[in-house]
Protein backbone atom coordinates (compact mmCIF):
# COMPACT_ATOMS: atom_id res chain seq x y z
CA MET A 1 45.70 34.19 1.95
CA ASN A 2 46.90 31.03 0.20
CA ILE A 3 45.16 29.29 -2.67
CA VAL A 4 45.20 25.50 -2.29
CA LEU A 5 44.68 23.22 -5.30
CA PRO A 6 43.64 19.79 -3.96
CA LEU A 7 43.61 18.23 -7.45
CA VAL A 8 47.37 18.70 -7.74
CA GLY A 9 48.15 17.62 -4.21
CA GLY A 10 48.05 20.99 -2.50
CA THR A 11 47.57 20.96 1.28
CA PRO A 12 47.16 23.82 3.78
CA ARG A 13 50.41 24.57 5.64
CA LEU A 14 50.05 26.23 9.03
CA GLU A 15 53.81 26.76 9.40
CA SER A 16 53.89 29.72 7.02
CA TRP A 17 51.37 31.58 9.21
CA GLU A 18 52.52 30.83 12.73
CA HIS A 19 55.11 33.60 12.97
CA ARG A 20 53.30 36.27 10.99
CA ALA A 21 52.54 39.67 12.46
CA TRP A 22 49.01 40.93 12.99
CA SER A 23 47.11 42.39 10.05
CA PRO A 24 48.40 45.96 9.68
CA GLY A 25 46.29 48.25 11.89
CA VAL A 26 44.25 45.52 13.58
CA GLU A 27 45.70 46.20 17.03
CA ALA A 28 44.28 49.74 16.93
CA GLY A 29 40.79 48.28 17.09
CA PRO A 30 37.71 48.96 14.97
CA ARG A 31 37.10 52.12 12.99
CA ALA A 32 33.75 53.85 12.84
CA THR A 33 33.21 52.54 9.29
CA ASP A 34 34.07 48.88 10.02
CA ARG A 35 31.45 46.16 9.85
CA ARG A 36 30.17 44.98 13.21
CA ASP A 37 28.33 41.68 13.05
CA ALA A 38 26.46 39.69 15.67
CA TYR A 39 24.90 36.33 14.81
CA THR A 40 23.11 34.59 17.67
CA ARG A 41 20.69 31.72 18.03
CA ALA A 42 19.11 29.92 20.95
CA VAL A 43 20.17 26.31 20.42
CA ALA A 44 19.07 24.44 23.56
CA GLN A 45 17.39 24.58 26.94
CA GLU A 46 18.99 23.44 30.20
CA ARG A 47 17.89 23.71 33.79
CA PRO A 48 18.60 27.09 35.39
CA GLY A 49 21.99 27.45 37.06
CA PRO A 50 25.55 26.74 35.88
CA PRO A 51 26.04 24.62 32.74
CA ASP A 52 25.25 20.92 32.92
CA PRO A 53 28.64 19.10 32.76
CA HIS A 54 27.34 16.82 29.99
CA GLY A 55 24.67 19.03 28.45
CA PRO A 56 24.32 21.04 25.26
CA PHE A 57 26.27 24.03 26.59
CA ARG A 58 29.35 21.86 27.11
CA ARG A 59 28.92 20.11 23.76
CA VAL A 60 28.91 23.43 21.96
CA ALA A 61 31.80 24.79 24.05
CA ASP A 62 33.91 21.72 23.23
CA SER A 63 33.10 22.09 19.55
CA LEU A 64 34.03 25.78 19.52
CA LEU A 65 37.36 25.20 21.26
CA ALA A 66 38.25 22.50 18.72
CA TYR A 67 37.33 24.92 15.89
CA ARG A 68 34.45 22.74 14.84
CA ILE A 69 32.26 25.78 14.27
CA PHE A 70 31.16 25.51 10.65
CA PRO A 71 29.89 22.62 8.54
CA PRO A 72 33.12 20.76 7.65
CA THR A 73 32.20 20.78 3.97
CA LEU A 74 32.30 24.60 4.09
CA VAL A 75 35.02 25.55 6.59
CA SER A 76 37.52 23.45 8.51
CA GLY A 77 40.34 24.24 10.89
CA VAL A 78 44.04 23.40 10.95
CA LEU A 79 45.24 23.32 14.57
CA ARG A 80 48.31 22.27 16.53
CA ARG A 81 46.18 21.22 19.52
CA THR A 82 42.70 21.18 20.95
CA PRO A 83 41.29 22.88 22.83
CA VAL A 84 42.81 26.09 21.48
CA GLU A 85 44.80 28.25 23.88
CA VAL A 86 45.74 31.94 23.91
CA GLY A 87 48.59 32.45 21.46
CA ASP A 88 47.63 29.56 19.17
CA THR A 89 47.45 30.14 15.44
CA VAL A 90 44.24 28.79 13.91
CA GLY A 91 44.33 27.92 10.23
CA VAL A 92 41.07 28.28 8.34
CA VAL A 93 40.32 26.34 5.16
CA TYR A 94 37.39 27.66 3.13
CA HIS A 95 35.94 24.93 0.88
CA GLY A 96 33.23 27.07 -0.69
CA PHE A 97 34.65 27.12 -4.22
CA ARG A 98 34.51 24.06 -6.44
CA ILE A 99 38.12 23.79 -7.67
CA VAL A 100 40.21 25.69 -5.13
CA LYS A 101 40.33 26.10 -1.38
CA LEU A 102 41.33 29.28 0.40
CA PHE A 103 43.63 29.09 3.40
CA PHE A 104 44.33 31.84 5.94
CA ALA A 105 44.86 32.16 9.67
CA ALA A 106 44.23 34.12 12.85
CA ARG A 107 45.69 34.01 16.36
CA VAL A 108 43.78 33.41 19.60
CA ILE A 109 43.93 36.41 21.94
CA GLU A 110 41.37 35.35 24.55
CA ARG A 111 39.81 32.15 25.82
CA PHE A 112 37.09 32.17 28.46
CA ASP A 113 34.76 29.90 30.41
CA GLU A 114 33.19 31.85 33.25
CA PRO A 115 30.10 33.54 34.63
CA ARG A 116 29.56 37.06 33.32
CA GLY A 117 26.63 38.54 35.16
CA SER A 118 23.62 36.29 34.64
CA LEU A 119 25.29 34.51 31.71
CA TRP A 120 27.87 31.74 31.73
CA SER A 121 30.05 32.21 28.64
CA ALA A 122 32.64 29.94 27.03
CA GLY A 123 34.62 30.37 23.84
CA PHE A 124 37.47 32.34 22.36
CA THR A 125 38.43 35.43 20.36
CA TYR A 126 40.94 35.53 17.55
CA ARG A 127 42.59 38.34 15.63
CA THR A 128 43.59 38.26 11.97
CA LEU A 129 47.16 37.93 10.75
CA GLU A 130 49.00 39.63 7.89
CA ARG A 131 47.57 38.66 4.47
CA HIS A 132 44.28 37.43 5.94
CA PRO A 133 41.50 38.42 3.50
CA GLU A 134 39.77 40.32 6.30
CA LEU A 135 41.19 42.55 9.02
CA GLY A 136 39.52 42.32 12.42
CA GLU A 137 38.57 40.16 15.35
CA GLU A 138 35.88 37.54 15.92
CA THR A 139 34.52 35.98 19.08
CA PHE A 140 32.91 32.54 19.01
CA SER A 141 30.94 31.78 22.16
CA VAL A 142 28.19 29.80 23.78
CA GLU A 143 26.20 31.50 26.51
CA LYS A 144 23.82 30.11 29.08
CA ASP A 145 21.31 32.34 30.81
CA MET A 146 21.55 30.93 34.31
CA GLU A 147 18.12 32.30 35.24
CA THR A 148 16.19 30.79 32.32
CA GLY A 149 18.49 27.95 31.21
CA VAL A 150 18.47 29.10 27.56
CA VAL A 151 21.70 28.21 25.72
CA THR A 152 22.72 30.53 22.87
CA ALA A 153 25.46 30.22 20.25
CA ALA A 154 27.01 33.51 19.17
CA LEU A 155 29.47 34.86 16.61
CA ARG A 156 30.43 38.51 17.06
CA SER A 157 32.99 40.40 15.05
CA TRP A 158 34.29 43.62 13.61
CA SER A 159 36.06 43.64 10.27
CA ARG A 160 37.07 45.42 7.11
CA PRO A 161 38.79 44.15 3.93
CA GLY A 162 42.36 43.11 4.66
CA ILE A 163 43.77 42.71 1.15
CA LEU A 164 43.16 44.27 -2.27
CA LEU A 165 41.23 41.26 -3.56
CA THR A 166 38.57 41.45 -0.85
CA ARG A 167 38.25 45.21 -1.37
CA LEU A 168 37.68 44.69 -5.09
CA CYS A 169 35.23 41.82 -4.53
CA GLY A 170 33.24 43.50 -1.76
CA PRO A 171 29.77 42.04 -2.50
CA LEU A 172 31.11 38.50 -2.93
CA THR A 173 33.23 38.78 0.22
CA ARG A 174 30.22 39.97 2.17
CA TRP A 175 28.07 37.12 0.87
CA VAL A 176 30.72 34.61 1.95
CA GLN A 177 30.86 36.14 5.45
CA VAL A 178 27.11 36.12 5.96
CA HIS A 179 26.62 32.66 4.47
CA ALA A 180 29.37 31.13 6.62
CA SER A 181 28.07 32.75 9.81
CA ARG A 182 24.52 31.51 9.26
CA ALA A 183 25.83 28.05 8.40
CA ALA A 184 27.81 28.08 11.65
CA LEU A 185 24.67 28.69 13.69
CA ASP A 186 22.94 25.81 11.90
CA TYR A 187 25.88 23.53 12.63
CA LEU A 188 26.20 24.53 16.30
CA ALA A 189 22.48 24.00 16.79
CA GLN A 190 23.00 20.42 15.58
CA VAL A 191 25.94 20.00 17.95
CA ALA A 192 23.80 21.19 20.85
CA GLN A 193 21.11 18.64 20.11
CA THR A 194 23.32 15.59 19.63
CA THR A 195 23.58 13.14 22.50
CA ARG A 196 27.25 12.35 21.82
CA SER A 197 29.92 14.73 23.12
CA CYS A 198 31.94 16.44 20.40
CA SER A 199 34.88 16.92 22.74
CA SER A 200 38.26 15.56 21.74
CA VAL A 201 39.86 16.50 25.06
């Protein structure tokens, strides 16, 4: 994790993260004691069947793949390209503190846009890198029930503290996680309802 001081000209630098190894132990998968979170919200209604090419499902999918997942005043991304691809490093800037910003990164291990049973799912999964405040994986997705047409935004993850600071500040770290995840659902619901595509591709 890097601390960025905007008042003295500090800027997030993705280069220092792009060649880092995974967080130690993350490749072994979750432990029994790790947190497992699932935040979901129905954000729109389409006609039954595959996603509408210009509908809310695609708006949310485009936003996810550009790492426009959270309110930009809270969390923003630093990317080499959009949409993200497997192997890309995604920098994350947390703006939640008044004077400093926190900067850390994860690497995309899966990207998907396909039918899975009765659901059509699009999104990606990333895995944390060494010195990330958390250790784990998170999947950001939008899902359409092709039978009912309901479109749902979802954030699913497993994690545990990745550095000493987040272990020592457990309650605060947990509050930040929960707050950011709920804010993401609020933001993606707004994306779903806008009439202008959020795609940059």
